[in-house]
Amino acid sequence: VRALLDAGVPLAGGGDNIRDPFNPVGRADPLETAGLLVAAGH
């Protein structure tokens, strides 16, 4: 994410799957995604 932002790439953060075979969790909450980008993506 940092390299993409530094290069000027339009960057979006998404939630992807909502409690399906690809992921049993997910609250359908964009602010949860934002929190992960802070904690995991710095």
PDB file of all heavy atoms in Angstrom:
ATOM      1  N   VAL A   1       0.824  -1.215   0.000  1.00  0.00           N
ATOM      2  CA  VAL A   1       0.000   0.000   0.000  1.00  0.00           C
ATOM      3  C   VAL A   1       0.857   1.264   0.000  1.00  0.00           C
ATOM      4  O   VAL A   1       0.518   2.256  -0.667  1.00  0.00           O
ATOM      5  CB  VAL A   1      -0.990  -0.003   1.186  1.00  0.00           C
ATOM      6  CG1 VAL A   1      -2.082  -1.040   0.971  1.00  0.00           C
ATOM      7  CG2 VAL A   1      -0.284  -0.255   2.512  1.00  0.00           C
ATOM      8  N   ARG A   2       1.959   1.267   0.717  1.00  0.00           N
ATOM      9  CA  ARG A   2       2.787   2.476   0.773  1.00  0.00           C
ATOM     10  C   ARG A   2       3.451   2.745  -0.579  1.00  0.00           C
ATOM     11  O   ARG A   2       3.465   3.883  -1.048  1.00  0.00           O
ATOM     12  CB  ARG A   2       3.849   2.324   1.871  1.00  0.00           C
ATOM     13  CG  ARG A   2       4.819   3.504   1.987  1.00  0.00           C
ATOM     14  CD  ARG A   2       4.097   4.810   2.260  1.00  0.00           C
ATOM     15  NE  ARG A   2       3.332   4.748   3.499  1.00  0.00           N
ATOM     16  CZ  ARG A   2       2.391   5.615   3.829  1.00  0.00           C
ATOM     17  NH1 ARG A   2       2.075   6.601   3.010  1.00  0.00           N
ATOM     18  NH2 ARG A   2       1.744   5.512   4.975  1.00  0.00           N
ATOM     19  N   ALA A   3       3.967   1.710  -1.220  1.00  0.00           N
ATOM     20  CA  ALA A   3       4.582   1.901  -2.540  1.00  0.00           C
ATOM     21  C   ALA A   3       3.556   2.402  -3.546  1.00  0.00           C
ATOM     22  O   ALA A   3       3.857   3.259  -4.385  1.00  0.00           O
ATOM     23  CB  ALA A   3       5.203   0.591  -3.020  1.00  0.00           C
ATOM     24  N   LEU A   4       2.340   1.884  -3.478  1.00  0.00           N
ATOM     25  CA  LEU A   4       1.288   2.318  -4.394  1.00  0.00           C
ATOM     26  C   LEU A   4       0.936   3.779  -4.167  1.00  0.00           C
ATOM     27  O   LEU A   4       0.810   4.566  -5.119  1.00  0.00           O
ATOM     28  CB  LEU A   4       0.054   1.430  -4.238  1.00  0.00           C
ATOM     29  CG  LEU A   4       0.229  -0.026  -4.712  1.00  0.00           C
ATOM     30  CD1 LEU A   4      -0.890  -0.900  -4.174  1.00  0.00           C
ATOM     31  CD2 LEU A   4       0.268  -0.102  -6.234  1.00  0.00           C
ATOM     32  N   LEU A   5       0.780   4.176  -2.903  1.00  0.00           N
ATOM     33  CA  LEU A   5       0.472   5.577  -2.605  1.00  0.00           C
ATOM     34  C   LEU A   5       1.612   6.489  -3.040  1.00  0.00           C
ATOM     35  O   LEU A   5       1.381   7.552  -3.628  1.00  0.00           O
ATOM     36  CB  LEU A   5       0.200   5.753  -1.108  1.00  0.00           C
ATOM     37  CG  LEU A   5      -1.162   5.311  -0.586  1.00  0.00           C
ATOM     38  CD1 LEU A   5      -1.230   5.513   0.927  1.00  0.00           C
ATOM     39  CD2 LEU A   5      -2.295   6.079  -1.263  1.00  0.00           C
ATOM     40  N   ASP A   6       2.843   6.083  -2.743  1.00  0.00           N
ATOM     41  CA  ASP A   6       3.995   6.916  -3.108  1.00  0.00           C
ATOM     42  C   ASP A   6       4.102   7.096  -4.621  1.00  0.00           C
ATOM     43  O   ASP A   6       4.581   8.133  -5.097  1.00  0.00           O
ATOM     44  CB  ASP A   6       5.290   6.298  -2.569  1.00  0.00           C
ATOM     45  CG  ASP A   6       5.412   6.431  -1.051  1.00  0.00           C
ATOM     46  OD1 ASP A   6       4.624   7.187  -0.452  1.00  0.00           O
ATOM     47  OD2 ASP A   6       6.296   5.760  -0.477  1.00  0.00           O
ATOM     48  N   ALA A   7       3.638   6.096  -5.389  1.00  0.00           N
ATOM     49  CA  ALA A   7       3.693   6.182  -6.846  1.00  0.00           C
ATOM     50  C   ALA A   7       2.534   6.982  -7.429  1.00  0.00           C
ATOM     51  O   ALA A   7       2.516   7.258  -8.622  1.00  0.00           O
ATOM     52  CB  ALA A   7       3.707   4.777  -7.450  1.00  0.00           C
ATOM     53  N   GLY A   8       1.565   7.333  -6.582  1.00  0.00           N
ATOM     54  CA  GLY A   8       0.409   8.074  -7.067  1.00  0.00           C
ATOM     55  C   GLY A   8      -0.708   7.210  -7.600  1.00  0.00           C
ATOM     56  O   GLY A   8      -1.588   7.693  -8.325  1.00  0.00           O
ATOM     57  N   VAL A   9      -0.715   5.909  -7.257  1.00  0.00           N
ATOM     58  CA  VAL A   9      -1.780   5.006  -7.698  1.00  0.00           C
ATOM     59  C   VAL A   9      -3.044   5.294  -6.899  1.00  0.00           C
ATOM     60  O   VAL A   9      -2.992   5.392  -5.669  1.00  0.00           O
ATOM     61  CB  VAL A   9      -1.363   3.536  -7.498  1.00  0.00           C
ATOM     62  CG1 VAL A   9      -2.513   2.596  -7.819  1.00  0.00           C
ATOM     63  CG2 VAL A   9      -0.147   3.206  -8.354  1.00  0.00           C
ATOM     64  N   PRO A  10      -4.198   5.437  -7.545  1.00  0.00           N
ATOM     65  CA  PRO A  10      -5.454   5.545  -6.788  1.00  0.00           C
ATOM     66  C   PRO A  10      -5.655   4.277  -5.963  1.00  0.00           C
ATOM     67  O   PRO A  10      -5.728   3.179  -6.508  1.00  0.00           O
ATOM     68  CB  PRO A  10      -6.524   5.675  -7.880  1.00  0.00           C
ATOM     69  CG  PRO A  10      -5.783   6.168  -9.084  1.00  0.00           C
ATOM     70  CD  PRO A  10      -4.421   5.558  -8.997  1.00  0.00           C
ATOM     71  N   LEU A  11      -5.722   4.418  -4.650  1.00  0.00           N
ATOM     72  CA  LEU A  11      -5.792   3.266  -3.752  1.00  0.00           C
ATOM     73  C   LEU A  11      -7.117   3.258  -3.013  1.00  0.00           C
ATOM     74  O   LEU A  11      -7.518   4.254  -2.421  1.00  0.00           O
ATOM     75  CB  LEU A  11      -4.644   3.307  -2.737  1.00  0.00           C
ATOM     76  CG  LEU A  11      -4.626   2.162  -1.724  1.00  0.00           C
ATOM     77  CD1 LEU A  11      -4.237   0.848  -2.387  1.00  0.00           C
ATOM     78  CD2 LEU A  11      -3.667   2.465  -0.566  1.00  0.00           C
ATOM     79  N   ALA A  12      -7.775   2.120  -3.043  1.00  0.00           N
ATOM     80  CA  ALA A  12      -9.008   1.923  -2.292  1.00  0.00           C
ATOM     81  C   ALA A  12      -8.819   0.767  -1.324  1.00  0.00           C
ATOM     82  O   ALA A  12      -8.030  -0.148  -1.569  1.00  0.00           O
ATOM     83  CB  ALA A  12     -10.169   1.625  -3.236  1.00  0.00           C
ATOM     84  N   GLY A  13      -9.542   0.800  -0.231  1.00  0.00           N
ATOM     85  CA  GLY A  13      -9.551  -0.306   0.719  1.00  0.00           C
ATOM     86  C   GLY A  13     -10.932  -0.934   0.741  1.00  0.00           C
ATOM     87  O   GLY A  13     -11.933  -0.228   0.872  1.00  0.00           O
ATOM     88  N   GLY A  14     -11.002  -2.263   0.593  1.00  0.00           N
ATOM     89  CA  GLY A  14     -12.286  -2.947   0.550  1.00  0.00           C
ATOM     90  C   GLY A  14     -12.379  -4.072   1.544  1.00  0.00           C
ATOM     91  O   GLY A  14     -11.380  -4.556   2.080  1.00  0.00           O
ATOM     92  N   GLY A  15     -13.601  -4.529   1.778  1.00  0.00           N
ATOM     93  CA  GLY A  15     -13.859  -5.577   2.756  1.00  0.00           C
ATOM     94  C   GLY A  15     -13.877  -6.975   2.178  1.00  0.00           C
ATOM     95  O   GLY A  15     -13.710  -7.955   2.896  1.00  0.00           O
ATOM     96  N   ASP A  16     -14.143  -7.091   0.865  1.00  0.00           N
ATOM     97  CA  ASP A  16     -14.144  -8.381   0.180  1.00  0.00           C
ATOM     98  C   ASP A  16     -15.267  -9.260   0.713  1.00  0.00           C
ATOM     99  O   ASP A  16     -16.429  -8.898   0.651  1.00  0.00           O
ATOM    100  CB  ASP A  16     -12.775  -9.042   0.291  1.00  0.00           C
ATOM    101  CG  ASP A  16     -12.475 -10.019  -0.842  1.00  0.00           C
ATOM    102  OD1 ASP A  16     -13.345 -10.222  -1.706  1.00  0.00           O
ATOM    103  OD2 ASP A  16     -11.364 -10.575  -0.872  1.00  0.00           O
ATOM    104  N   ASN A  17     -14.944 -10.407   1.276  1.00  0.00           N
ATOM    105  CA  ASN A  17     -15.963 -11.407   1.598  1.00  0.00           C
ATOM    106  C   ASN A  17     -16.640 -11.131   2.927  1.00  0.00           C
ATOM    107  O   ASN A  17     -16.032 -10.628   3.873  1.00  0.00           O
ATOM    108  CB  ASN A  17     -15.326 -12.796   1.613  1.00  0.00           C
ATOM    109  CG  ASN A  17     -14.639 -13.108   0.304  1.00  0.00           C
ATOM    110  OD1 ASN A  17     -13.470 -12.782   0.115  1.00  0.00           O
ATOM    111  ND2 ASN A  17     -15.368 -13.693  -0.621  1.00  0.00           N
ATOM    112  N   ILE A  18     -17.919 -11.494   2.995  1.00  0.00           N
ATOM    113  CA  ILE A  18     -18.710 -11.292   4.206  1.00  0.00           C
ATOM    114  C   ILE A  18     -19.235 -12.642   4.672  1.00  0.00           C
ATOM    115  O   ILE A  18     -20.257 -13.145   4.215  1.00  0.00           O
ATOM    116  CB  ILE A  18     -19.888 -10.326   3.946  1.00  0.00           C
ATOM    117  CG1 ILE A  18     -19.371  -8.972   3.432  1.00  0.00           C
ATOM    118  CG2 ILE A  18     -20.712 -10.122   5.225  1.00  0.00           C
ATOM    119  CD1 ILE A  18     -20.471  -8.034   2.966  1.00  0.00           C
ATOM    120  N   ARG A  19     -18.465 -13.292   5.527  1.00  0.00           N
ATOM    121  CA  ARG A  19     -18.862 -14.542   6.176  1.00  0.00           C
ATOM    122  C   ARG A  19     -19.301 -15.609   5.168  1.00  0.00           C
ATOM    123  O   ARG A  19     -20.412 -16.129   5.212  1.00  0.00           O
ATOM    124  CB  ARG A  19     -19.955 -14.263   7.214  1.00  0.00           C
ATOM    125  CG  ARG A  19     -19.534 -13.184   8.210  1.00  0.00           C
ATOM    126  CD  ARG A  19     -20.448 -13.033   9.393  1.00  0.00           C
ATOM    127  NE  ARG A  19     -21.780 -12.567   9.105  1.00  0.00           N
ATOM    128  CZ  ARG A  19     -22.111 -11.290   8.879  1.00  0.00           C
ATOM    129  NH1 ARG A  19     -21.170 -10.350   8.875  1.00  0.00           N
ATOM    130  NH2 ARG A  19     -23.359 -10.959   8.671  1.00  0.00           N
ATOM    131  N   ASP A  20     -18.363 -15.906   4.246  1.00  0.00           N
ATOM    132  CA  ASP A  20     -18.596 -16.944   3.252  1.00  0.00           C
ATOM    133  C   ASP A  20     -17.395 -17.889   3.259  1.00  0.00           C
ATOM    134  O   ASP A  20     -16.519 -17.750   4.123  1.00  0.00           O
ATOM    135  CB  ASP A  20     -18.863 -16.309   1.879  1.00  0.00           C
ATOM    136  CG  ASP A  20     -17.661 -15.557   1.290  1.00  0.00           C
ATOM    137  OD1 ASP A  20     -16.505 -15.874   1.647  1.00  0.00           O
ATOM    138  OD2 ASP A  20     -17.870 -14.647   0.472  1.00  0.00           O
ATOM    139  N   PRO A  21     -17.315 -18.868   2.350  1.00  0.00           N
ATOM    140  CA  PRO A  21     -16.210 -19.823   2.433  1.00  0.00           C
ATOM    141  C   PRO A  21     -14.819 -19.212   2.329  1.00  0.00           C
ATOM    142  O   PRO A  21     -13.834 -19.877   2.675  1.00  0.00           O
ATOM    143  CB  PRO A  21     -16.476 -20.764   1.242  1.00  0.00           C
ATOM    144  CG  PRO A  21     -17.953 -20.738   1.090  1.00  0.00           C
ATOM    145  CD  PRO A  21     -18.338 -19.312   1.376  1.00  0.00           C
ATOM    146  N   PHE A  22     -14.724 -17.972   1.852  1.00  0.00           N
ATOM    147  CA  PHE A  22     -13.421 -17.328   1.731  1.00  0.00           C
ATOM    148  C   PHE A  22     -13.016 -16.587   3.004  1.00  0.00           C
ATOM    149  O   PHE A  22     -11.877 -16.142   3.118  1.00  0.00           O
ATOM    150  CB  PHE A  22     -13.429 -16.361   0.543  1.00  0.00           C
ATOM    151  CG  PHE A  22     -13.566 -17.054  -0.783  1.00  0.00           C
ATOM    152  CD1 PHE A  22     -14.796 -17.532  -1.212  1.00  0.00           C
ATOM    153  CD2 PHE A  22     -12.465 -17.244  -1.592  1.00  0.00           C
ATOM    154  CE1 PHE A  22     -14.931 -18.183  -2.431  1.00  0.00           C
ATOM    155  CE2 PHE A  22     -12.589 -17.890  -2.816  1.00  0.00           C
ATOM    156  CZ  PHE A  22     -13.825 -18.370  -3.231  1.00  0.00           C
ATOM    157  N   ASN A  23     -13.927 -16.455   3.941  1.00  0.00           N
ATOM    158  CA  ASN A  23     -13.633 -15.702   5.161  1.00  0.00           C
ATOM    159  C   ASN A  23     -14.820 -15.811   6.108  1.00  0.00           C
ATOM    160  O   ASN A  23     -15.913 -15.346   5.778  1.00  0.00           O
ATOM    161  CB  ASN A  23     -13.388 -14.225   4.816  1.00  0.00           C
ATOM    162  CG  ASN A  23     -12.785 -13.442   5.963  1.00  0.00           C
ATOM    163  OD1 ASN A  23     -12.769 -13.900   7.096  1.00  0.00           O
ATOM    164  ND2 ASN A  23     -12.302 -12.261   5.672  1.00  0.00           N
ATOM    165  N   PRO A  24     -14.650 -16.408   7.296  1.00  0.00           N
ATOM    166  CA  PRO A  24     -15.791 -16.569   8.201  1.00  0.00           C
ATOM    167  C   PRO A  24     -16.143 -15.302   8.963  1.00  0.00           C
ATOM    168  O   PRO A  24     -17.167 -15.261   9.655  1.00  0.00           O
ATOM    169  CB  PRO A  24     -15.313 -17.656   9.171  1.00  0.00           C
ATOM    170  CG  PRO A  24     -13.833 -17.455   9.226  1.00  0.00           C
ATOM    171  CD  PRO A  24     -13.433 -17.029   7.832  1.00  0.00           C
ATOM    172  N   VAL A  25     -15.299 -14.261   8.850  1.00  0.00           N
ATOM    173  CA  VAL A  25     -15.565 -13.030   9.587  1.00  0.00           C
ATOM    174  C   VAL A  25     -15.873 -11.906   8.587  1.00  0.00           C
ATOM    175  O   VAL A  25     -16.045 -12.137   7.410  1.00  0.00           O
ATOM    176  CB  VAL A  25     -14.388 -12.656  10.510  1.00  0.00           C
ATOM    177  CG1 VAL A  25     -14.195 -13.722  11.577  1.00  0.00           C
ATOM    178  CG2 VAL A  25     -13.093 -12.490   9.715  1.00  0.00           C
ATOM    179  N   GLY A  26     -15.933 -10.701   9.087  1.00  0.00           N
ATOM    180  CA  GLY A  26     -16.268  -9.568   8.233  1.00  0.00           C
ATOM    181  C   GLY A  26     -17.576  -8.953   8.664  1.00  0.00           C
ATOM    182  O   GLY A  26     -18.619  -9.611   8.657  1.00  0.00           O
ATOM    183  N   ARG A  27     -17.541  -7.676   9.055  1.00  0.00           N
ATOM    184  CA  ARG A  27     -18.731  -6.996   9.588  1.00  0.00           C
ATOM    185  C   ARG A  27     -19.403  -6.107   8.551  1.00  0.00           C
ATOM    186  O   ARG A  27     -20.288  -5.345   8.898  1.00  0.00           O
ATOM    187  CB  ARG A  27     -18.345  -6.160  10.804  1.00  0.00           C
ATOM    188  CG  ARG A  27     -17.771  -6.954  11.964  1.00  0.00           C
ATOM    189  CD  ARG A  27     -17.774  -6.136  13.253  1.00  0.00           C
ATOM    190  NE  ARG A  27     -16.938  -4.961  13.154  1.00  0.00           N
ATOM    191  CZ  ARG A  27     -15.670  -4.897  13.539  1.00  0.00           C
ATOM    192  NH1 ARG A  27     -15.094  -5.986  14.025  1.00  0.00           N
ATOM    193  NH2 ARG A  27     -14.971  -3.790  13.433  1.00  0.00           N
ATOM    194  N   ALA A  28     -18.969  -6.189   7.298  1.00  0.00           N
ATOM    195  CA  ALA A  28     -19.528  -5.315   6.247  1.00  0.00           C
ATOM    196  C   ALA A  28     -19.384  -3.857   6.647  1.00  0.00           C
ATOM    197  O   ALA A  28     -20.272  -3.043   6.420  1.00  0.00           O
ATOM    198  CB  ALA A  28     -20.999  -5.657   5.978  1.00  0.00           C
ATOM    199  N   ASP A  29     -18.236  -3.539   7.243  1.00  0.00           N
ATOM    200  CA  ASP A  29     -18.008  -2.199   7.787  1.00  0.00           C
ATOM    201  C   ASP A  29     -16.720  -1.616   7.218  1.00  0.00           C
ATOM    202  O   ASP A  29     -15.622  -2.073   7.540  1.00  0.00           O
ATOM    203  CB  ASP A  29     -17.911  -2.277   9.313  1.00  0.00           C
ATOM    204  CG  ASP A  29     -17.808  -0.904   9.960  1.00  0.00           C
ATOM    205  OD1 ASP A  29     -17.723   0.109   9.234  1.00  0.00           O
ATOM    206  OD2 ASP A  29     -17.815  -0.841  11.206  1.00  0.00           O
ATOM    207  N   PRO A  30     -16.819  -0.596   6.363  1.00  0.00           N
ATOM    208  CA  PRO A  30     -15.608   0.012   5.816  1.00  0.00           C
ATOM    209  C   PRO A  30     -14.654   0.548   6.873  1.00  0.00           C
ATOM    210  O   PRO A  30     -13.439   0.610   6.639  1.00  0.00           O
ATOM    211  CB  PRO A  30     -16.152   1.136   4.930  1.00  0.00           C
ATOM    212  CG  PRO A  30     -17.513   0.661   4.526  1.00  0.00           C
ATOM    213  CD  PRO A  30     -18.039  -0.050   5.739  1.00  0.00           C
ATOM    214  N   LEU A  31     -15.171   0.945   8.038  1.00  0.00           N
ATOM    215  CA  LEU A  31     -14.271   1.432   9.076  1.00  0.00           C
ATOM    216  C   LEU A  31     -13.437   0.295   9.669  1.00  0.00           C
ATOM    217  O   LEU A  31     -12.332   0.536  10.171  1.00  0.00           O
ATOM    218  CB  LEU A  31     -15.058   2.151  10.168  1.00  0.00           C
ATOM    219  CG  LEU A  31     -15.765   3.440   9.735  1.00  0.00           C
ATOM    220  CD1 LEU A  31     -16.416   4.117  10.929  1.00  0.00           C
ATOM    221  CD2 LEU A  31     -14.805   4.400   9.036  1.00  0.00           C
ATOM    222  N   GLU A  32     -13.938  -0.944   9.605  1.00  0.00           N
ATOM    223  CA  GLU A  32     -13.116  -2.093   9.989  1.00  0.00           C
ATOM    224  C   GLU A  32     -11.947  -2.232   9.014  1.00  0.00           C
ATOM    225  O   GLU A  32     -10.803  -2.482   9.416  1.00  0.00           O
ATOM    226  CB  GLU A  32     -13.953  -3.365   9.988  1.00  0.00           C
ATOM    227  CG  GLU A  32     -13.158  -4.621  10.335  1.00  0.00           C
ATOM    228  CD  GLU A  32     -13.972  -5.896  10.199  1.00  0.00           C
ATOM    229  OE1 GLU A  32     -14.845  -5.959   9.314  1.00  0.00           O
ATOM    230  OE2 GLU A  32     -13.724  -6.834  10.971  1.00  0.00           O
ATOM    231  N   THR A  33     -12.230  -2.058   7.717  1.00  0.00           N
ATOM    232  CA  THR A  33     -11.165  -2.106   6.719  1.00  0.00           C
ATOM    233  C   THR A  33     -10.131  -1.016   6.974  1.00  0.00           C
ATOM    234  O   THR A  33      -8.919  -1.257   6.889  1.00  0.00           O
ATOM    235  CB  THR A  33     -11.761  -1.944   5.308  1.00  0.00           C
ATOM    236  OG1 THR A  33     -12.700  -2.997   5.072  1.00  0.00           O
ATOM    237  CG2 THR A  33     -10.671  -1.979   4.248  1.00  0.00           C
ATOM    238  N   ALA A  34     -10.602   0.191   7.292  1.00  0.00           N
ATOM    239  CA  ALA A  34      -9.669   1.282   7.586  1.00  0.00           C
ATOM    240  C   ALA A  34      -8.769   0.926   8.764  1.00  0.00           C
ATOM    241  O   ALA A  34      -7.561   1.189   8.747  1.00  0.00           O
ATOM    242  CB  ALA A  34     -10.447   2.566   7.877  1.00  0.00           C
ATOM    243  N   GLY A  35      -9.336   0.321   9.791  1.00  0.00           N
ATOM    244  CA  GLY A  35      -8.538  -0.073  10.948  1.00  0.00           C
ATOM    245  C   GLY A  35      -7.466  -1.083  10.589  1.00  0.00           C
ATOM    246  O   GLY A  35      -6.334  -1.015  11.097  1.00  0.00           O
ATOM    247  N   LEU A  36      -7.788  -2.029   9.711  1.00  0.00           N
ATOM    248  CA  LEU A  36      -6.795  -3.010   9.283  1.00  0.00           C
ATOM    249  C   LEU A  36      -5.690  -2.361   8.458  1.00  0.00           C
ATOM    250  O   LEU A  36      -4.522  -2.761   8.543  1.00  0.00           O
ATOM    251  CB  LEU A  36      -7.479  -4.108   8.469  1.00  0.00           C
ATOM    252  CG  LEU A  36      -8.275  -5.120   9.290  1.00  0.00           C
ATOM    253  CD1 LEU A  36      -9.161  -5.964   8.378  1.00  0.00           C
ATOM    254  CD2 LEU A  36      -7.339  -6.021  10.091  1.00  0.00           C
ATOM    255  N   LEU A  37      -6.041  -1.365   7.648  1.00  0.00           N
ATOM    256  CA  LEU A  37      -5.014  -0.680   6.875  1.00  0.00           C
ATOM    257  C   LEU A  37      -4.066   0.101   7.780  1.00  0.00           C
ATOM    258  O   LEU A  37      -2.886   0.271   7.463  1.00  0.00           O
ATOM    259  CB  LEU A  37      -5.668   0.257   5.855  1.00  0.00           C
ATOM    260  CG  LEU A  37      -6.363  -0.448   4.687  1.00  0.00           C
ATOM    261  CD1 LEU A  37      -7.144   0.550   3.851  1.00  0.00           C
ATOM    262  CD2 LEU A  37      -5.355  -1.188   3.819  1.00  0.00           C
ATOM    263  N   VAL A  38      -4.570   0.567   8.912  1.00  0.00           N
ATOM    264  CA  VAL A  38      -3.709   1.233   9.896  1.00  0.00           C
ATOM    265  C   VAL A  38      -2.810   0.203  10.586  1.00  0.00           C
ATOM    266  O   VAL A  38      -1.587   0.371  10.668  1.00  0.00           O
ATOM    267  CB  VAL A  38      -4.544   1.998  10.931  1.00  0.00           C
ATOM    268  CG1 VAL A  38      -3.656   2.510  12.075  1.00  0.00           C
ATOM    269  CG2 VAL A  38      -5.267   3.178  10.280  1.00  0.00           C
ATOM    270  N   ALA A  39      -3.411  -0.889  11.090  1.00  0.00           N
ATOM    271  CA  ALA A  39      -2.664  -1.854  11.898  1.00  0.00           C
ATOM    272  C   ALA A  39      -1.740  -2.718  11.049  1.00  0.00           C
ATOM    273  O   ALA A  39      -0.590  -2.975  11.425  1.00  0.00           O
ATOM    274  CB  ALA A  39      -3.645  -2.740  12.668  1.00  0.00           C
ATOM    275  N   ALA A  40      -2.226  -3.198   9.910  1.00  0.00           N
ATOM    276  CA  ALA A  40      -1.442  -4.131   9.100  1.00  0.00           C
ATOM    277  C   ALA A  40      -0.684  -3.443   7.975  1.00  0.00           C
ATOM    278  O   ALA A  40       0.396  -3.895   7.583  1.00  0.00           O
ATOM    279  CB  ALA A  40      -2.363  -5.205   8.506  1.00  0.00           C
ATOM    280  N   GLY A  41      -1.247  -2.346   7.454  1.00  0.00           N
ATOM    281  CA  GLY A  41      -0.611  -1.664   6.333  1.00  0.00           C
ATOM    282  C   GLY A  41       0.201  -0.452   6.719  1.00  0.00           C
ATOM    283  O   GLY A  41       0.869   0.136   5.883  1.00  0.00           O
ATOM    284  N   HIS A  42       0.120  -0.062   8.010  1.00  0.00           N
ATOM    285  CA  HIS A  42       0.860   1.077   8.534  1.00  0.00           C
ATOM    286  C   HIS A  42       0.524   2.381   7.812  1.00  0.00           C
ATOM    287  O   HIS A  42       1.375   3.256   7.664  1.00  0.00           O
ATOM    288  CB  HIS A  42       2.375   0.817   8.510  1.00  0.00           C
ATOM    289  CG  HIS A  42       2.803  -0.237   9.474  1.00  0.00           C
ATOM    290  ND1 HIS A  42       4.078  -0.759   9.509  1.00  0.00           N
ATOM    291  CD2 HIS A  42       2.123  -0.879  10.453  1.00  0.00           C
ATOM    292  CE1 HIS A  42       4.164  -1.668  10.456  1.00  0.00           C
ATOM    293  NE2 HIS A  42       2.981  -1.763  11.045  1.00  0.00           N
TER     294      HIS A  42
END
